Structures are given as C-alpha cells and as structure tokens.
C-alpha cells in the first residue's frame, strides 16, 4: 500500500518574536497563564497534543490570529 503522507503544522513563535521584539517568551507565558515548559514545547515544535484553550489564550494575549503563530507546510508529494 502506497499512501502519500500529509503535510505538517508547525509553530512559528520564533518568527513572531523576531517581528515583535517588545514581546518576550516570559511575557507570553505569564500573559497566557501557561507553564514555561509547556510554552517551550510549542516554541520548539515538540508539543504532542495541541490544547485549543492554550492557543486561544496565546492569541488573546498577543492580539493575533492563528496564522501569525502557526503555519501549514504541505507535503512534497
């Protein structure tokens, strides 16, 4: 069976922080009411299960949309 693999979703928080130097990781953690290790997993794309409530809190704090912190990368197939 030859199945094509799908694309992937990646967090681009590093790009967001470069564009907004007034925002720090620590400010996001505090403003989004999340643990630092939890944020680091999102930042380093190591999160296993995405928590929609956490994403909503991050977007609320940053006053941004999901496409500002998440990107879809299509498969190369």
PDB file of N, CA and C in Angstrom:
ATOM      1  N   UNK A   1       0.846  -1.173   0.000  1.00  0.00           N
ATOM      2  CA  UNK A   1       0.000   0.000   0.000  1.00  0.00           C
ATOM      3  C   UNK A   1       0.893   1.238   0.000  1.00  0.00           C
ATOM      4  N   UNK A   2       0.684   2.115  -0.952  1.00  0.00           N
ATOM      5  CA  UNK A   2       1.496   3.305  -1.092  1.00  0.00           C
ATOM      6  C   UNK A   2       0.647   4.538  -0.800  1.00  0.00           C
ATOM      7  N   UNK A   3       0.749   5.049   0.423  1.00  0.00           N
ATOM      8  CA  UNK A   3      -0.035   6.221   0.815  1.00  0.00           C
ATOM      9  C   UNK A   3       0.852   7.454   0.814  1.00  0.00           C
ATOM     10  N   UNK A   4       0.293   8.541   0.347  1.00  0.00           N
ATOM     11  CA  UNK A   4       1.026   9.804   0.405  1.00  0.00           C
ATOM     12  C   UNK A   4       0.919  10.362   1.807  1.00  0.00           C
ATOM     13  N   UNK A   5       2.032  10.855   2.296  1.00  0.00           N
ATOM     14  CA  UNK A   5       1.984  11.471   3.627  1.00  0.00           C
ATOM     15  C   UNK A   5       1.447  12.892   3.491  1.00  0.00           C
ATOM     16  N   UNK A   6       0.765  13.321   4.519  1.00  0.00           N
ATOM     17  CA  UNK A   6       0.205  14.666   4.513  1.00  0.00           C
ATOM     18  C   UNK A   6       1.246  15.697   4.896  1.00  0.00           C
ATOM     19  N   UNK A   7       0.839  16.928   4.874  1.00  0.00           N
ATOM     20  CA  UNK A   7       1.725  18.000   5.282  1.00  0.00           C
ATOM     21  C   UNK A   7       1.849  18.026   6.792  1.00  0.00           C
ATOM     22  N   UNK A   8       2.385  19.112   7.308  1.00  0.00           N
ATOM     23  CA  UNK A   8       2.516  19.220   8.756  1.00  0.00           C
ATOM     24  C   UNK A   8       2.240  20.645   9.210  1.00  0.00           C
ATOM     25  N   UNK A   9       1.859  20.731  10.458  1.00  0.00           N
ATOM     26  CA  UNK A   9       1.598  22.016  11.109  1.00  0.00           C
ATOM     27  C   UNK A   9       2.796  22.333  11.987  1.00  0.00           C
ATOM     28  N   UNK A  10       3.325  23.549  11.870  1.00  0.00           N
ATOM     29  CA  UNK A  10       4.450  23.960  12.711  1.00  0.00           C
ATOM     30  C   UNK A  10       4.120  25.284  13.393  1.00  0.00           C
ATOM     31  N   UNK A  11       4.663  25.446  14.564  1.00  0.00           N
ATOM     32  CA  UNK A  11       4.521  26.704  15.282  1.00  0.00           C
ATOM     33  C   UNK A  11       5.652  27.625  14.852  1.00  0.00           C
ATOM     34  N   UNK A  12       5.318  28.867  14.611  1.00  0.00           N
ATOM     35  CA  UNK A  12       6.309  29.851  14.167  1.00  0.00           C
ATOM     36  C   UNK A  12       6.421  30.981  15.198  1.00  0.00           C
ATOM     37  N   UNK A  13       6.428  30.577  16.454  1.00  0.00           N
ATOM     38  CA  UNK A  13       6.541  31.570  17.527  1.00  0.00           C
ATOM     39  C   UNK A  13       7.874  32.308  17.464  1.00  0.00           C
ATOM     40  N   UNK A  14       8.927  31.637  16.999  1.00  0.00           N
ATOM     41  CA  UNK A  14      10.228  32.302  16.870  1.00  0.00           C
ATOM     42  C   UNK A  14      10.147  33.446  15.865  1.00  0.00           C
ATOM     43  N   UNK A  15       9.446  33.224  14.747  1.00  0.00           N
ATOM     44  CA  UNK A  15       9.268  34.284  13.757  1.00  0.00           C
ATOM     45  C   UNK A  15       8.434  35.432  14.327  1.00  0.00           C
ATOM     46  N   UNK A  16       7.401  35.082  15.085  1.00  0.00           N
ATOM     47  CA  UNK A  16       6.554  36.104  15.697  1.00  0.00           C
ATOM     48  C   UNK A  16       7.377  36.987  16.640  1.00  0.00           C
ATOM     49  N   UNK A  17       8.207  36.353  17.466  1.00  0.00           N
ATOM     50  CA  UNK A  17       9.009  37.110  18.426  1.00  0.00           C
ATOM     51  C   UNK A  17      10.045  37.995  17.732  1.00  0.00           C
ATOM     52  N   UNK A  18      10.571  37.563  16.600  1.00  0.00           N
ATOM     53  CA  UNK A  18      11.519  38.393  15.849  1.00  0.00           C
ATOM     54  C   UNK A  18      10.830  39.647  15.307  1.00  0.00           C
ATOM     55  N   UNK A  19       9.572  39.486  14.890  1.00  0.00           N
ATOM     56  CA  UNK A  19       8.814  40.622  14.346  1.00  0.00           C
ATOM     57  C   UNK A  19       8.300  41.554  15.444  1.00  0.00           C
ATOM     58  N   UNK A  20       8.212  41.042  16.668  1.00  0.00           N
ATOM     59  CA  UNK A  20       7.678  41.815  17.791  1.00  0.00           C
ATOM     60  C   UNK A  20       8.659  41.755  18.968  1.00  0.00           C
ATOM     61  N   UNK A  21       9.750  42.506  18.884  1.00  0.00           N
ATOM     62  CA  UNK A  21      10.773  42.428  19.936  1.00  0.00           C
ATOM     63  C   UNK A  21      10.306  42.909  21.308  1.00  0.00           C
ATOM     64  N   UNK A  22       9.185  43.605  21.349  1.00  0.00           N
ATOM     65  CA  UNK A  22       8.656  44.071  22.637  1.00  0.00           C
ATOM     66  C   UNK A  22       8.018  42.937  23.437  1.00  0.00           C
ATOM     67  N   UNK A  23       7.790  41.808  22.773  1.00  0.00           N
ATOM     68  CA  UNK A  23       7.177  40.649  23.425  1.00  0.00           C
ATOM     69  C   UNK A  23       8.275  39.632  23.723  1.00  0.00           C
ATOM     70  N   UNK A  24       8.277  39.121  24.946  1.00  0.00           N
ATOM     71  CA  UNK A  24       9.260  38.103  25.320  1.00  0.00           C
ATOM     72  C   UNK A  24       8.554  36.783  25.602  1.00  0.00           C
ATOM     73  N   UNK A  25       9.331  35.727  25.631  1.00  0.00           N
ATOM     74  CA  UNK A  25       8.774  34.419  25.979  1.00  0.00           C
ATOM     75  C   UNK A  25       8.123  34.481  27.351  1.00  0.00           C
ATOM     76  N   UNK A  26       8.800  35.127  28.278  1.00  0.00           N
ATOM     77  CA  UNK A  26       8.279  35.219  29.641  1.00  0.00           C
ATOM     78  C   UNK A  26       6.946  35.958  29.687  1.00  0.00           C
ATOM     79  N   UNK A  27       6.817  37.025  28.910  1.00  0.00           N
ATOM     80  CA  UNK A  27       5.555  37.772  28.863  1.00  0.00           C
ATOM     81  C   UNK A  27       4.430  36.906  28.307  1.00  0.00           C
ATOM     82  N   UNK A  28       4.742  36.109  27.289  1.00  0.00           N
ATOM     83  CA  UNK A  28       3.723  35.219  26.720  1.00  0.00           C
ATOM     84  C   UNK A  28       3.298  34.181  27.748  1.00  0.00           C
ATOM     85  N   UNK A  29       4.264  33.602  28.444  1.00  0.00           N
ATOM     86  CA  UNK A  29       3.967  32.590  29.467  1.00  0.00           C
ATOM     87  C   UNK A  29       3.053  33.180  30.536  1.00  0.00           C
ATOM     88  N   UNK A  30       3.414  34.328  31.054  1.00  0.00           N
ATOM     89  CA  UNK A  30       2.612  34.958  32.110  1.00  0.00           C
ATOM     90  C   UNK A  30       1.256  35.417  31.582  1.00  0.00           C
ATOM     91  N   UNK A  31       1.254  36.065  30.420  1.00  0.00           N
ATOM     92  CA  UNK A  31       0.011  36.589  29.858  1.00  0.00           C
ATOM     93  C   UNK A  31      -0.955  35.509  29.400  1.00  0.00           C
ATOM     94  N   UNK A  32      -0.414  34.353  29.041  1.00  0.00           N
ATOM     95  CA  UNK A  32      -1.250  33.251  28.565  1.00  0.00           C
ATOM     96  C   UNK A  32      -1.563  32.244  29.661  1.00  0.00           C
ATOM     97  N   UNK A  33      -1.051  32.508  30.852  1.00  0.00           N
ATOM     98  CA  UNK A  33      -1.291  31.628  32.008  1.00  0.00           C
ATOM     99  C   UNK A  33      -0.944  30.175  31.686  1.00  0.00           C
ATOM    100  N   UNK A  34       0.305  29.991  31.259  1.00  0.00           N
ATOM    101  CA  UNK A  34       0.774  28.646  30.962  1.00  0.00           C
ATOM    102  C   UNK A  34       2.130  28.431  31.609  1.00  0.00           C
ATOM    103  N   UNK A  35       2.525  27.192  31.743  1.00  0.00           N
ATOM    104  CA  UNK A  35       3.818  26.887  32.324  1.00  0.00           C
ATOM    105  C   UNK A  35       4.906  27.088  31.272  1.00  0.00           C
ATOM    106  N   UNK A  36       6.080  27.444  31.750  1.00  0.00           N
ATOM    107  CA  UNK A  36       7.194  27.706  30.828  1.00  0.00           C
ATOM    108  C   UNK A  36       7.537  26.470  29.996  1.00  0.00           C
ATOM    109  N   UNK A  37       7.543  25.305  30.614  1.00  0.00           N
ATOM    110  CA  UNK A  37       7.863  24.085  29.866  1.00  0.00           C
ATOM    111  C   UNK A  37       6.821  23.821  28.781  1.00  0.00           C
ATOM    112  N   UNK A  38       5.577  24.121  29.084  1.00  0.00           N
ATOM    113  CA  UNK A  38       4.505  23.962  28.102  1.00  0.00           C
ATOM    114  C   UNK A  38       4.748  24.904  26.917  1.00  0.00           C
ATOM    115  N   UNK A  39       5.081  26.154  27.219  1.00  0.00           N
ATOM    116  CA  UNK A  39       5.369  27.115  26.148  1.00  0.00           C
ATOM    117  C   UNK A  39       6.569  26.662  25.322  1.00  0.00           C
ATOM    118  N   UNK A  40       7.609  26.184  25.988  1.00  0.00           N
ATOM    119  CA  UNK A  40       8.808  25.733  25.281  1.00  0.00           C
ATOM    120  C   UNK A  40       8.480  24.612  24.300  1.00  0.00           C
ATOM    121  N   UNK A  41       7.568  23.726  24.670  1.00  0.00           N
ATOM    122  CA  UNK A  41       7.172  22.651  23.761  1.00  0.00           C
ATOM    123  C   UNK A  41       6.499  23.207  22.505  1.00  0.00           C
ATOM    124  N   UNK A  42       5.687  24.225  22.658  1.00  0.00           N
ATOM    125  CA  UNK A  42       5.081  24.872  21.495  1.00  0.00           C
ATOM    126  C   UNK A  42       6.163  25.598  20.688  1.00  0.00           C
ATOM    127  N   UNK A  43       7.023  26.315  21.378  1.00  0.00           N
ATOM    128  CA  UNK A  43       8.070  27.109  20.723  1.00  0.00           C
ATOM    129  C   UNK A  43       9.021  26.230  19.915  1.00  0.00           C
ATOM    130  N   UNK A  44       9.357  25.061  20.452  1.00  0.00           N
ATOM    131  CA  UNK A  44      10.305  24.156  19.795  1.00  0.00           C
ATOM    132  C   UNK A  44       9.616  23.091  18.937  1.00  0.00           C
ATOM    133  N   UNK A  45       8.302  23.226  18.744  1.00  0.00           N
ATOM    134  CA  UNK A  45       7.523  22.274  17.951  1.00  0.00           C
ATOM    135  C   UNK A  45       7.640  20.854  18.475  1.00  0.00           C
ATOM    136  N   UNK A  46       7.627  20.725  19.783  1.00  0.00           N
ATOM    137  CA  UNK A  46       7.697  19.406  20.409  1.00  0.00           C
ATOM    138  C   UNK A  46       6.387  19.037  21.100  1.00  0.00           C
ATOM    139  N   UNK A  47       5.376  19.855  20.913  1.00  0.00           N
ATOM    140  CA  UNK A  47       4.084  19.588  21.542  1.00  0.00           C
ATOM    141  C   UNK A  47       3.467  18.354  20.892  1.00  0.00           C
ATOM    142  N   UNK A  48       2.934  17.475  21.732  1.00  0.00           N
ATOM    143  CA  UNK A  48       2.341  16.238  21.240  1.00  0.00           C
ATOM    144  C   UNK A  48       0.856  16.432  20.940  1.00  0.00           C
ATOM    145  N   UNK A  49       0.164  17.050  21.872  1.00  0.00           N
ATOM    146  CA  UNK A  49      -1.266  17.331  21.699  1.00  0.00           C
ATOM    147  C   UNK A  49      -1.508  18.818  21.884  1.00  0.00           C
ATOM    148  N   UNK A  50      -2.067  19.409  20.873  1.00  0.00           N
ATOM    149  CA  UNK A  50      -2.329  20.849  20.914  1.00  0.00           C
ATOM    150  C   UNK A  50      -3.557  21.109  21.764  1.00  0.00           C
ATOM    151  N   UNK A  51      -3.435  22.041  22.687  1.00  0.00           N
ATOM    152  CA  UNK A  51      -4.538  22.439  23.550  1.00  0.00           C
ATOM    153  C   UNK A  51      -5.147  23.714  22.961  1.00  0.00           C
ATOM    154  N   UNK A  52      -6.360  23.616  22.466  1.00  0.00           N
ATOM    155  CA  UNK A  52      -7.003  24.759  21.821  1.00  0.00           C
ATOM    156  C   UNK A  52      -7.215  25.923  22.776  1.00  0.00           C
ATOM    157  N   UNK A  53      -7.439  25.627  24.047  1.00  0.00           N
ATOM    158  CA  UNK A  53      -7.598  26.699  25.039  1.00  0.00           C
ATOM    159  C   UNK A  53      -6.292  27.472  25.198  1.00  0.00           C
ATOM    160  N   UNK A  54      -5.178  26.772  25.166  1.00  0.00           N
ATOM    161  CA  UNK A  54      -3.867  27.437  25.260  1.00  0.00           C
ATOM    162  C   UNK A  54      -3.647  28.312  24.034  1.00  0.00           C
ATOM    163  N   UNK A  55      -3.958  27.794  22.858  1.00  0.00           N
ATOM    164  CA  UNK A  55      -3.809  28.596  21.642  1.00  0.00           C
ATOM    165  C   UNK A  55      -4.683  29.847  21.696  1.00  0.00           C
ATOM    166  N   UNK A  56      -5.898  29.697  22.189  1.00  0.00           N
ATOM    167  CA  UNK A  56      -6.793  30.848  22.310  1.00  0.00           C
ATOM    168  C   UNK A  56      -6.223  31.885  23.271  1.00  0.00           C
ATOM    169  N   UNK A  57      -5.677  31.426  24.401  1.00  0.00           N
ATOM    170  CA  UNK A  57      -5.090  32.369  25.364  1.00  0.00           C
ATOM    171  C   UNK A  57      -3.866  33.075  24.778  1.00  0.00           C
ATOM    172  N   UNK A  58      -3.046  32.330  24.030  1.00  0.00           N
ATOM    173  CA  UNK A  58      -1.876  32.969  23.395  1.00  0.00           C
ATOM    174  C   UNK A  58      -2.327  34.026  22.390  1.00  0.00           C
ATOM    175  N   UNK A  59      -3.303  33.682  21.564  1.00  0.00           N
ATOM    176  CA  UNK A  59      -3.796  34.642  20.577  1.00  0.00           C
ATOM    177  C   UNK A  59      -4.450  35.847  21.249  1.00  0.00           C
ATOM    178  N   UNK A  60      -5.197  35.609  22.318  1.00  0.00           N
ATOM    179  CA  UNK A  60      -5.792  36.727  23.063  1.00  0.00           C
ATOM    180  C   UNK A  60      -4.711  37.644  23.613  1.00  0.00           C
ATOM    181  N   UNK A  61      -3.698  37.051  24.234  1.00  0.00           N
ATOM    182  CA  UNK A  61      -2.630  37.866  24.821  1.00  0.00           C
ATOM    183  C   UNK A  61      -1.855  38.632  23.742  1.00  0.00           C
ATOM    184  N   UNK A  62      -1.522  37.933  22.660  1.00  0.00           N
ATOM    185  CA  UNK A  62      -0.721  38.558  21.603  1.00  0.00           C
ATOM    186  C   UNK A  62      -1.549  39.433  20.672  1.00  0.00           C
ATOM    187  N   UNK A  63      -2.881  39.340  20.792  1.00  0.00           N
ATOM    188  CA  UNK A  63      -3.783  40.070  19.896  1.00  0.00           C
ATOM    189  C   UNK A  63      -3.444  39.736  18.444  1.00  0.00           C
ATOM    190  N   UNK A  64      -3.376  38.416  18.191  1.00  0.00           N
ATOM    191  CA  UNK A  64      -3.022  37.943  16.856  1.00  0.00           C
ATOM    192  C   UNK A  64      -4.001  36.864  16.414  1.00  0.00           C
ATOM    193  N   UNK A  65      -3.842  36.412  15.201  1.00  0.00           N
ATOM    194  CA  UNK A  65      -4.637  35.315  14.664  1.00  0.00           C
ATOM    195  C   UNK A  65      -3.757  34.067  14.636  1.00  0.00           C
ATOM    196  N   UNK A  66      -4.378  32.902  14.491  1.00  0.00           N
ATOM    197  CA  UNK A  66      -3.613  31.655  14.481  1.00  0.00           C
ATOM    198  C   UNK A  66      -2.534  31.640  13.403  1.00  0.00           C
ATOM    199  N   UNK A  67      -2.815  32.202  12.243  1.00  0.00           N
ATOM    200  CA  UNK A  67      -1.835  32.173  11.158  1.00  0.00           C
ATOM    201  C   UNK A  67      -0.576  32.977  11.492  1.00  0.00           C
ATOM    202  N   UNK A  68      -0.621  33.790  12.541  1.00  0.00           N
ATOM    203  CA  UNK A  68       0.559  34.533  12.974  1.00  0.00           C
ATOM    204  C   UNK A  68       1.529  33.667  13.777  1.00  0.00           C
ATOM    205  N   UNK A  69       1.026  32.561  14.341  1.00  0.00           N
ATOM    206  CA  UNK A  69       1.884  31.724  15.188  1.00  0.00           C
ATOM    207  C   UNK A  69       1.940  30.262  14.732  1.00  0.00           C
ATOM    208  N   UNK A  70       1.141  29.908  13.728  1.00  0.00           N
ATOM    209  CA  UNK A  70       1.104  28.537  13.212  1.00  0.00           C
ATOM    210  C   UNK A  70       1.149  28.590  11.688  1.00  0.00           C
ATOM    211  N   UNK A  71       1.854  27.608  11.102  1.00  0.00           N
ATOM    212  CA  UNK A  71       1.950  27.552   9.643  1.00  0.00           C
ATOM    213  C   UNK A  71       1.752  26.108   9.179  1.00  0.00           C
ATOM    214  N   UNK A  72       1.077  25.947   8.064  1.00  0.00           N
ATOM    215  CA  UNK A  72       0.915  24.636   7.436  1.00  0.00           C
ATOM    216  C   UNK A  72       1.967  24.492   6.347  1.00  0.00           C
ATOM    217  N   UNK A  73       2.708  23.383   6.394  1.00  0.00           N
ATOM    218  CA  UNK A  73       3.703  23.078   5.372  1.00  0.00           C
ATOM    219  C   UNK A  73       3.198  21.874   4.587  1.00  0.00           C
ATOM    220  N   UNK A  74       2.852  22.059   3.312  1.00  0.00           N
ATOM    221  CA  UNK A  74       2.320  20.932   2.530  1.00  0.00           C
ATOM    222  C   UNK A  74       3.395  19.877   2.290  1.00  0.00           C
ATOM    223  N   UNK A  75       2.928  18.653   2.044  1.00  0.00           N
ATOM    224  CA  UNK A  75       3.872  17.577   1.744  1.00  0.00           C
ATOM    225  C   UNK A  75       4.507  17.830   0.393  1.00  0.00           C
ATOM    226  N   UNK A  76       5.633  17.201   0.168  1.00  0.00           N
ATOM    227  CA  UNK A  76       6.359  17.382  -1.100  1.00  0.00           C
ATOM    228  C   UNK A  76       5.926  16.377  -2.153  1.00  0.00           C
ATOM    229  N   UNK A  77       4.934  15.574  -1.822  1.00  0.00           N
ATOM    230  CA  UNK A  77       4.458  14.545  -2.772  1.00  0.00           C
ATOM    231  C   UNK A  77       3.561  15.159  -3.810  1.00  0.00           C
TER     232      UNK A  77
END
